[in-house]
Amino acid sequence: FEYWKLNLSRRQLVDPQGAEIELTTCEFDMLATFVRHAGRVLTRDVLMDLTRDRNLEAFDRTIDAQIVLLRRKIETDPKRPQFI
């Protein structure tokens, strides 16, 4: 996506300049889920099921926090995200 390279088998993300971006397991799983479901809007429930395989609690904001952290790593301007 936009010159970024996500290698699912190696669990590796490389930025457009060729530098590897370190991701936590959760961040990688979240990004891989977005890539696999590109163009779809995914609810918190669906994201939790696809990334953690457990039920989402009504007040659980873990997904939101992970998306914020992921945006900081891949977005030029995390406050105006282009990818996620």
PDB file of N, CA and C in Angstrom:
ATOM      1  N   PHE A   1       0.840  -1.179   0.000  1.00  0.00           N
ATOM      2  CA  PHE A   1       0.000   0.000   0.000  1.00  0.00           C
ATOM      3  C   PHE A   1       0.880   1.235   0.000  1.00  0.00           C
ATOM      4  N   GLU A   2       0.632   2.133  -0.954  1.00  0.00           N
ATOM      5  CA  GLU A   2       1.386   3.387  -1.064  1.00  0.00           C
ATOM      6  C   GLU A   2       2.889   3.211  -0.875  1.00  0.00           C
ATOM      7  N   TYR A   3       3.458   2.223  -1.542  1.00  0.00           N
ATOM      8  CA  TYR A   3       4.902   1.940  -1.511  1.00  0.00           C
ATOM      9  C   TYR A   3       5.390   1.297  -0.215  1.00  0.00           C
ATOM     10  N   TRP A   4       4.503   1.036   0.720  1.00  0.00           N
ATOM     11  CA  TRP A   4       4.845   0.258   1.914  1.00  0.00           C
ATOM     12  C   TRP A   4       4.770  -1.204   1.517  1.00  0.00           C
ATOM     13  N   LYS A   5       5.559  -2.044   2.163  1.00  0.00           N
ATOM     14  CA  LYS A   5       5.531  -3.475   1.871  1.00  0.00           C
ATOM     15  C   LYS A   5       5.278  -4.239   3.165  1.00  0.00           C
ATOM     16  N   LEU A   6       4.243  -5.049   3.135  1.00  0.00           N
ATOM     17  CA  LEU A   6       3.902  -5.883   4.278  1.00  0.00           C
ATOM     18  C   LEU A   6       4.105  -7.337   3.865  1.00  0.00           C
ATOM     19  N   ASN A   7       5.084  -7.978   4.491  1.00  0.00           N
ATOM     20  CA  ASN A   7       5.371  -9.381   4.212  1.00  0.00           C
ATOM     21  C   ASN A   7       4.700 -10.208   5.298  1.00  0.00           C
ATOM     22  N   LEU A   8       3.605 -10.846   4.944  1.00  0.00           N
ATOM     23  CA  LEU A   8       2.820 -11.591   5.924  1.00  0.00           C
ATOM     24  C   LEU A   8       3.560 -12.818   6.451  1.00  0.00           C
ATOM     25  N   SER A   9       4.295 -13.487   5.599  1.00  0.00           N
ATOM     26  CA  SER A   9       4.987 -14.701   6.056  1.00  0.00           C
ATOM     27  C   SER A   9       6.162 -14.374   6.976  1.00  0.00           C
ATOM     28  N   ARG A  10       6.830 -13.263   6.733  1.00  0.00           N
ATOM     29  CA  ARG A  10       7.950 -12.860   7.598  1.00  0.00           C
ATOM     30  C   ARG A  10       7.516 -11.936   8.735  1.00  0.00           C
ATOM     31  N   ARG A  11       6.253 -11.538   8.698  1.00  0.00           N
ATOM     32  CA  ARG A  11       5.710 -10.607   9.697  1.00  0.00           C
ATOM     33  C   ARG A  11       6.576  -9.351   9.746  1.00  0.00           C
ATOM     34  N   GLN A  12       6.766  -8.750   8.564  1.00  0.00           N
ATOM     35  CA  GLN A  12       7.678  -7.631   8.415  1.00  0.00           C
ATOM     36  C   GLN A  12       6.993  -6.500   7.659  1.00  0.00           C
ATOM     37  N   LEU A  13       7.209  -5.267   8.143  1.00  0.00           N
ATOM     38  CA  LEU A  13       6.717  -4.072   7.466  1.00  0.00           C
ATOM     39  C   LEU A  13       7.919  -3.228   7.069  1.00  0.00           C
ATOM     40  N   VAL A  14       7.951  -2.820   5.790  1.00  0.00           N
ATOM     41  CA  VAL A  14       9.037  -1.989   5.275  1.00  0.00           C
ATOM     42  C   VAL A  14       8.426  -0.704   4.722  1.00  0.00           C
ATOM     43  N   ASP A  15       8.996   0.437   5.145  1.00  0.00           N
ATOM     44  CA  ASP A  15       8.468   1.727   4.693  1.00  0.00           C
ATOM     45  C   ASP A  15       8.925   2.026   3.270  1.00  0.00           C
ATOM     46  N   PRO A  16       8.391   3.092   2.651  1.00  0.00           N
ATOM     47  CA  PRO A  16       8.742   3.402   1.261  1.00  0.00           C
ATOM     48  C   PRO A  16      10.238   3.646   1.024  1.00  0.00           C
ATOM     49  N   GLN A  17      10.985   4.016   2.065  1.00  0.00           N
ATOM     50  CA  GLN A  17      12.423   4.241   1.919  1.00  0.00           C
ATOM     51  C   GLN A  17      13.238   2.964   2.120  1.00  0.00           C
ATOM     52  N   GLY A  18      12.581   1.863   2.441  1.00  0.00           N
ATOM     53  CA  GLY A  18      13.252   0.584   2.604  1.00  0.00           C
ATOM     54  C   GLY A  18      13.621   0.228   4.039  1.00  0.00           C
ATOM     55  N   ALA A  19      13.214   1.055   4.987  1.00  0.00           N
ATOM     56  CA  ALA A  19      13.518   0.778   6.394  1.00  0.00           C
ATOM     57  C   ALA A  19      12.442  -0.122   6.993  1.00  0.00           C
ATOM     58  N   GLU A  20      12.895  -1.089   7.773  1.00  0.00           N
ATOM     59  CA  GLU A  20      11.948  -1.970   8.449  1.00  0.00           C
ATOM     60  C   GLU A  20      11.360  -1.238   9.652  1.00  0.00           C
ATOM     61  N   ILE A  21      10.057  -1.316   9.792  1.00  0.00           N
ATOM     62  CA  ILE A  21       9.339  -0.689  10.895  1.00  0.00           C
ATOM     63  C   ILE A  21       8.990  -1.773  11.901  1.00  0.00           C
ATOM     64  N   GLU A  22       9.416  -1.581  13.136  1.00  0.00           N
ATOM     65  CA  GLU A  22       9.114  -2.562  14.169  1.00  0.00           C
ATOM     66  C   GLU A  22       7.663  -2.427  14.611  1.00  0.00           C
ATOM     67  N   LEU A  23       6.991  -3.546  14.629  1.00  0.00           N
ATOM     68  CA  LEU A  23       5.604  -3.598  15.078  1.00  0.00           C
ATOM     69  C   LEU A  23       5.478  -4.642  16.174  1.00  0.00           C
ATOM     70  N   THR A  24       4.619  -4.368  17.125  1.00  0.00           N
ATOM     71  CA  THR A  24       4.298  -5.385  18.113  1.00  0.00           C
ATOM     72  C   THR A  24       3.454  -6.455  17.420  1.00  0.00           C
ATOM     73  N   THR A  25       3.285  -7.567  18.075  1.00  0.00           N
ATOM     74  CA  THR A  25       2.446  -8.634  17.521  1.00  0.00           C
ATOM     75  C   THR A  25       1.038  -8.115  17.260  1.00  0.00           C
ATOM     76  N   CYS A  26       0.507  -7.376  18.199  1.00  0.00           N
ATOM     77  CA  CYS A  26      -0.856  -6.840  18.053  1.00  0.00           C
ATOM     78  C   CYS A  26      -0.937  -5.849  16.896  1.00  0.00           C
ATOM     79  N   GLU A  27       0.063  -4.972  16.779  1.00  0.00           N
ATOM     80  CA  GLU A  27       0.070  -4.002  15.681  1.00  0.00           C
ATOM     81  C   GLU A  27       0.154  -4.713  14.335  1.00  0.00           C
ATOM     82  N   PHE A  28       1.023  -5.713  14.247  1.00  0.00           N
ATOM     83  CA  PHE A  28       1.149  -6.445  12.993  1.00  0.00           C
ATOM     84  C   PHE A  28      -0.161  -7.132  12.636  1.00  0.00           C
ATOM     85  N   ASP A  29      -0.760  -7.807  13.607  1.00  0.00           N
ATOM     86  CA  ASP A  29      -2.028  -8.504  13.358  1.00  0.00           C
ATOM     87  C   ASP A  29      -3.111  -7.532  12.913  1.00  0.00           C
ATOM     88  N   MET A  30      -3.141  -6.358  13.524  1.00  0.00           N
ATOM     89  CA  MET A  30      -4.134  -5.345  13.154  1.00  0.00           C
ATOM     90  C   MET A  30      -3.897  -4.868  11.721  1.00  0.00           C
ATOM     91  N   LEU A  31      -2.644  -4.541  11.387  1.00  0.00           N
ATOM     92  CA  LEU A  31      -2.329  -4.075  10.042  1.00  0.00           C
ATOM     93  C   LEU A  31      -2.619  -5.157   9.004  1.00  0.00           C
ATOM     94  N   ALA A  32      -2.249  -6.383   9.301  1.00  0.00           N
ATOM     95  CA  ALA A  32      -2.522  -7.494   8.382  1.00  0.00           C
ATOM     96  C   ALA A  32      -4.025  -7.656   8.157  1.00  0.00           C
ATOM     97  N   THR A  33      -4.800  -7.471   9.199  1.00  0.00           N
ATOM     98  CA  THR A  33      -6.254  -7.554   9.069  1.00  0.00           C
ATOM     99  C   THR A  33      -6.776  -6.456   8.152  1.00  0.00           C
ATOM    100  N   PHE A  34      -6.266  -5.242   8.323  1.00  0.00           N
ATOM    101  CA  PHE A  34      -6.694  -4.148   7.444  1.00  0.00           C
ATOM    102  C   PHE A  34      -6.294  -4.420   5.991  1.00  0.00           C
ATOM    103  N   VAL A  35      -5.111  -4.948   5.772  1.00  0.00           N
ATOM    104  CA  VAL A  35      -4.652  -5.246   4.413  1.00  0.00           C
ATOM    105  C   VAL A  35      -5.504  -6.351   3.793  1.00  0.00           C
ATOM    106  N   ARG A  36      -5.797  -7.377   4.562  1.00  0.00           N
ATOM    107  CA  ARG A  36      -6.606  -8.488   4.042  1.00  0.00           C
ATOM    108  C   ARG A  36      -8.044  -8.058   3.727  1.00  0.00           C
ATOM    109  N   HIS A  37      -8.502  -7.024   4.394  1.00  0.00           N
ATOM    110  CA  HIS A  37      -9.881  -6.554   4.216  1.00  0.00           C
ATOM    111  C   HIS A  37      -9.895  -5.111   3.702  1.00  0.00           C
ATOM    112  N   ALA A  38      -8.974  -4.803   2.818  1.00  0.00           N
ATOM    113  CA  ALA A  38      -8.837  -3.446   2.274  1.00  0.00           C
ATOM    114  C   ALA A  38     -10.153  -2.951   1.683  1.00  0.00           C
ATOM    115  N   GLY A  39     -10.452  -1.702   1.980  1.00  0.00           N
ATOM    116  CA  GLY A  39     -11.652  -1.076   1.435  1.00  0.00           C
ATOM    117  C   GLY A  39     -12.914  -1.328   2.226  1.00  0.00           C
ATOM    118  N   ARG A  40     -12.838  -2.174   3.248  1.00  0.00           N
ATOM    119  CA  ARG A  40     -14.017  -2.466   4.080  1.00  0.00           C
ATOM    120  C   ARG A  40     -13.919  -1.720   5.388  1.00  0.00           C
ATOM    121  N   VAL A  41     -15.054  -1.285   5.880  1.00  0.00           N
ATOM    122  CA  VAL A  41     -15.125  -0.711   7.217  1.00  0.00           C
ATOM    123  C   VAL A  41     -15.290  -1.873   8.188  1.00  0.00           C
ATOM    124  N   LEU A  42     -14.412  -1.939   9.180  1.00  0.00           N
ATOM    125  CA  LEU A  42     -14.450  -3.037  10.145  1.00  0.00           C
ATOM    126  C   LEU A  42     -14.798  -2.487  11.523  1.00  0.00           C
ATOM    127  N   THR A  43     -15.813  -3.057  12.136  1.00  0.00           N
ATOM    128  CA  THR A  43     -16.217  -2.628  13.478  1.00  0.00           C
ATOM    129  C   THR A  43     -15.218  -3.138  14.510  1.00  0.00           C
ATOM    130  N   ARG A  44     -15.296  -2.590  15.714  1.00  0.00           N
ATOM    131  CA  ARG A  44     -14.446  -3.082  16.806  1.00  0.00           C
ATOM    132  C   ARG A  44     -14.670  -4.577  17.034  1.00  0.00           C
ATOM    133  N   ASP A  45     -15.928  -4.991  16.998  1.00  0.00           N
ATOM    134  CA  ASP A  45     -16.252  -6.417  17.194  1.00  0.00           C
ATOM    135  C   ASP A  45     -15.533  -7.288  16.168  1.00  0.00           C
ATOM    136  N   VAL A  46     -15.613  -6.896  14.918  1.00  0.00           N
ATOM    137  CA  VAL A  46     -14.981  -7.667  13.852  1.00  0.00           C
ATOM    138  C   VAL A  46     -13.463  -7.645  14.018  1.00  0.00           C
ATOM    139  N   LEU A  47     -12.897  -6.484  14.306  1.00  0.00           N
ATOM    140  CA  LEU A  47     -11.446  -6.395  14.503  1.00  0.00           C
ATOM    141  C   LEU A  47     -10.987  -7.278  15.655  1.00  0.00           C
ATOM    142  N   MET A  48     -11.729  -7.273  16.736  1.00  0.00           N
ATOM    143  CA  MET A  48     -11.361  -8.106  17.875  1.00  0.00           C
ATOM    144  C   MET A  48     -11.427  -9.581  17.498  1.00  0.00           C
ATOM    145  N   ASP A  49     -12.460  -9.965  16.786  1.00  0.00           N
ATOM    146  CA  ASP A  49     -12.586 -11.364  16.362  1.00  0.00           C
ATOM    147  C   ASP A  49     -11.456 -11.766  15.415  1.00  0.00           C
ATOM    148  N   LEU A  50     -11.117 -10.888  14.486  1.00  0.00           N
ATOM    149  CA  LEU A  50     -10.102 -11.218  13.490  1.00  0.00           C
ATOM    150  C   LEU A  50      -8.675 -11.151  14.031  1.00  0.00           C
ATOM    151  N   THR A  51      -8.442 -10.332  15.047  1.00  0.00           N
ATOM    152  CA  THR A  51      -7.076 -10.165  15.545  1.00  0.00           C
ATOM    153  C   THR A  51      -6.800 -10.891  16.846  1.00  0.00           C
ATOM    154  N   ARG A  52      -7.831 -11.142  17.623  1.00  0.00           N
ATOM    155  CA  ARG A  52      -7.613 -11.731  18.937  1.00  0.00           C
ATOM    156  C   ARG A  52      -8.413 -12.997  19.181  1.00  0.00           C
ATOM    157  N   ASP A  53      -9.412 -13.222  18.368  1.00  0.00           N
ATOM    158  CA  ASP A  53     -10.267 -14.399  18.519  1.00  0.00           C
ATOM    159  C   ASP A  53     -10.857 -14.500  19.927  1.00  0.00           C
ATOM    160  N   ARG A  54     -11.352 -13.374  20.395  1.00  0.00           N
ATOM    161  CA  ARG A  54     -12.064 -13.373  21.677  1.00  0.00           C
ATOM    162  C   ARG A  54     -13.160 -12.319  21.608  1.00  0.00           C
ATOM    163  N   ASN A  55     -14.098 -12.413  22.494  1.00  0.00           N
ATOM    164  CA  ASN A  55     -15.218 -11.481  22.476  1.00  0.00           C
ATOM    165  C   ASN A  55     -14.803 -10.110  22.964  1.00  0.00           C
ATOM    166  N   LEU A  56     -15.372  -9.102  22.361  1.00  0.00           N
ATOM    167  CA  LEU A  56     -15.100  -7.717  22.720  1.00  0.00           C
ATOM    168  C   LEU A  56     -16.042  -7.280  23.826  1.00  0.00           C
ATOM    169  N   GLU A  57     -15.502  -6.711  24.845  1.00  0.00           N
ATOM    170  CA  GLU A  57     -16.327  -6.146  25.912  1.00  0.00           C
ATOM    171  C   GLU A  57     -16.858  -4.789  25.453  1.00  0.00           C
ATOM    172  N   ALA A  58     -18.004  -4.409  25.923  1.00  0.00           N
ATOM    173  CA  ALA A  58     -18.645  -3.159  25.507  1.00  0.00           C
ATOM    174  C   ALA A  58     -17.768  -1.947  25.786  1.00  0.00           C
ATOM    175  N   PHE A  59     -16.953  -1.993  26.825  1.00  0.00           N
ATOM    176  CA  PHE A  59     -16.150  -0.834  27.196  1.00  0.00           C
ATOM    177  C   PHE A  59     -14.670  -0.996  26.830  1.00  0.00           C
ATOM    178  N   ASP A  60     -14.352  -2.003  26.088  1.00  0.00           N
ATOM    179  CA  ASP A  60     -12.963  -2.269  25.730  1.00  0.00           C
ATOM    180  C   ASP A  60     -12.514  -1.293  24.641  1.00  0.00           C
ATOM    181  N   ARG A  61     -11.474  -0.513  24.934  1.00  0.00           N
ATOM    182  CA  ARG A  61     -10.938   0.445  23.965  1.00  0.00           C
ATOM    183  C   ARG A  61      -9.553   0.032  23.483  1.00  0.00           C
ATOM    184  N   THR A  62      -9.212  -1.233  23.678  1.00  0.00           N
ATOM    185  CA  THR A  62      -7.914  -1.736  23.257  1.00  0.00           C
ATOM    186  C   THR A  62      -7.708  -1.536  21.763  1.00  0.00           C
ATOM    187  N   ILE A  63      -8.724  -1.813  20.986  1.00  0.00           N
ATOM    188  CA  ILE A  63      -8.635  -1.657  19.533  1.00  0.00           C
ATOM    189  C   ILE A  63      -8.311  -0.213  19.186  1.00  0.00           C
ATOM    190  N   ASP A  64      -8.990   0.733  19.821  1.00  0.00           N
ATOM    191  CA  ASP A  64      -8.744   2.149  19.542  1.00  0.00           C
ATOM    192  C   ASP A  64      -7.293   2.521  19.837  1.00  0.00           C
ATOM    193  N   ALA A  65      -6.795   2.061  20.978  1.00  0.00           N
ATOM    194  CA  ALA A  65      -5.419   2.370  21.375  1.00  0.00           C
ATOM    195  C   ALA A  65      -4.423   1.774  20.389  1.00  0.00           C
ATOM    196  N   GLN A  66      -4.669   0.554  19.940  1.00  0.00           N
ATOM    197  CA  GLN A  66      -3.764  -0.075  18.980  1.00  0.00           C
ATOM    198  C   GLN A  66      -3.755   0.665  17.647  1.00  0.00           C
ATOM    199  N   ILE A  67      -4.907   1.116  17.223  1.00  0.00           N
ATOM    200  CA  ILE A  67      -4.986   1.857  15.962  1.00  0.00           C
ATOM    201  C   ILE A  67      -4.232   3.175  16.080  1.00  0.00           C
ATOM    202  N   VAL A  68      -4.345   3.855  17.208  1.00  0.00           N
ATOM    203  CA  VAL A  68      -3.601   5.106  17.427  1.00  0.00           C
ATOM    204  C   VAL A  68      -2.102   4.845  17.320  1.00  0.00           C
ATOM    205  N   LEU A  69      -1.624   3.801  17.981  1.00  0.00           N
ATOM    206  CA  LEU A  69      -0.194   3.479  17.943  1.00  0.00           C
ATOM    207  C   LEU A  69       0.259   3.098  16.534  1.00  0.00           C
ATOM    208  N   LEU A  70      -0.548   2.342  15.844  1.00  0.00           N
ATOM    209  CA  LEU A  70      -0.219   1.946  14.475  1.00  0.00           C
ATOM    210  C   LEU A  70      -0.193   3.157  13.547  1.00  0.00           C
ATOM    211  N   ARG A  71      -1.150   4.047  13.691  1.00  0.00           N
ATOM    212  CA  ARG A  71      -1.173   5.267  12.872  1.00  0.00           C
ATOM    213  C   ARG A  71       0.091   6.095  13.089  1.00  0.00           C
ATOM    214  N   ARG A  72       0.580   6.161  14.306  1.00  0.00           N
ATOM    215  CA  ARG A  72       1.806   6.919  14.587  1.00  0.00           C
ATOM    216  C   ARG A  72       3.001   6.357  13.830  1.00  0.00           C
ATOM    217  N   LYS A  73       2.961   5.076  13.539  1.00  0.00           N
ATOM    218  CA  LYS A  73       4.078   4.431  12.856  1.00  0.00           C
ATOM    219  C   LYS A  73       3.988   4.503  11.340  1.00  0.00           C
ATOM    220  N   ILE A  74       2.768   4.558  10.788  1.00  0.00           N
ATOM    221  CA  ILE A  74       2.656   4.465   9.327  1.00  0.00           C
ATOM    222  C   ILE A  74       2.063   5.693   8.645  1.00  0.00           C
ATOM    223  N   GLU A  75       1.440   6.559   9.379  1.00  0.00           N
ATOM    224  CA  GLU A  75       0.804   7.724   8.766  1.00  0.00           C
ATOM    225  C   GLU A  75       1.752   8.924   8.771  1.00  0.00           C
ATOM    226  N   THR A  76       1.744   9.695   7.705  1.00  0.00           N
ATOM    227  CA  THR A  76       2.511  10.933   7.656  1.00  0.00           C
ATOM    228  C   THR A  76       1.981  11.898   8.701  1.00  0.00           C
ATOM    229  N   ASP A  77       0.664  12.011   8.787  1.00  0.00           N
ATOM    230  CA  ASP A  77       0.008  12.848   9.795  1.00  0.00           C
ATOM    231  C   ASP A  77      -1.048  11.984  10.482  1.00  0.00           C
ATOM    232  N   PRO A  78      -0.717  11.421  11.645  1.00  0.00           N
ATOM    233  CA  PRO A  78      -1.661  10.519  12.330  1.00  0.00           C
ATOM    234  C   PRO A  78      -3.006  11.153  12.662  1.00  0.00           C
ATOM    235  N   LYS A  79      -3.048  12.479  12.754  1.00  0.00           N
ATOM    236  CA  LYS A  79      -4.325  13.145  13.054  1.00  0.00           C
ATOM    237  C   LYS A  79      -5.210  13.242  11.825  1.00  0.00           C
ATOM    238  N   ARG A  80      -4.603  13.054  10.654  1.00  0.00           N
ATOM    239  CA  ARG A  80      -5.333  13.040   9.376  1.00  0.00           C
ATOM    240  C   ARG A  80      -4.904  11.795   8.599  1.00  0.00           C
ATOM    241  N   PRO A  81      -5.307  10.647   9.096  1.00  0.00           N
ATOM    242  CA  PRO A  81      -4.832   9.391   8.511  1.00  0.00           C
ATOM    243  C   PRO A  81      -5.321   9.162   7.073  1.00  0.00           C
ATOM    244  N   GLN A  82      -4.439   8.586   6.283  1.00  0.00           N
ATOM    245  CA  GLN A  82      -4.770   8.245   4.904  1.00  0.00           C
ATOM    246  C   GLN A  82      -5.006   6.743   4.738  1.00  0.00           C
ATOM    247  N   PHE A  83      -4.359   5.932   5.561  1.00  0.00           N
ATOM    248  CA  PHE A  83      -4.425   4.482   5.404  1.00  0.00           C
ATOM    249  C   PHE A  83      -5.468   3.841   6.310  1.00  0.00           C
ATOM    250  N   ILE A  84      -5.465   4.220   7.572  1.00  0.00           N
ATOM    251  CA  ILE A  84      -6.361   3.593   8.539  1.00  0.00           C
ATOM    252  C   ILE A  84      -7.257   4.662   9.147  1.00  0.00           C
TER     253      ILE A  84
END
